[in-house]
Amino acid sequence: MVLATGRKNGTTTGICMFTHTLIVPLKQERWNKMALIVKGTARLRLIAGKAQPSPAIGQALGPLGVNMVEFCKQFNDKTAKWNKDRNITIPVNLTAYEDRTYTFVTKTPPTVWFLKQAAEITKCAAEPGKETVGAVSLRAIYEIAKIKKRDYHLQLHSIEALSASIVGTAKSIGMEVHR
């Protein structure tokens, strides 16, 4: 029994009244034949191109019924474009479905990583506001904002708003911002 339904882009979704799980259609033309039921989601941070089946990944993906080896291969293939020598941490949002399939979305590296690269530092300040560990230019912040705007959850924000957020992050880790 469906508790609530909604239409978006010609597809129908719903929430099951008994299990309170989201029902997502497979494809627009087949929504009335078969639907995927979301089993759960997982948010991970993995090193680009170096994901391996490990206890940390297993604890997140095991209860969802996701094949860790297959996921690691797909993740490594998708993140091969990032430089493997720098150990870049990539955030991943994974959605697992009842039929043991899954989808995942990779995001850009964290803002702090970009700021550390721009300022050429390895550690942030222990006491931000009292000590300064480096400086970053507004041009570098603008470039970071352009890269971060590629993330699906930040696409609707303006470059100015993203830049202001990055300036706040820089100050919170003990960096000065120069024009």
Foldseek 3Di string as FASTA:
>chain_A
DFDDWDDDPQAIKTADPPPRWIWAADDNVCRVPDTWTWPDKFKDKAFALDDDDDVVVCVGCVVLLEDRVVVSVVRNVVRVVDDNVVRFIWIKMKIGTPVRDIDMDIAHGDLVVLVCVQFVHDAFDPDQPVAADGEHELVSLLVSLVRRCPDPVNVVPDSVVSSVVSCVVCSVRRYHYHD
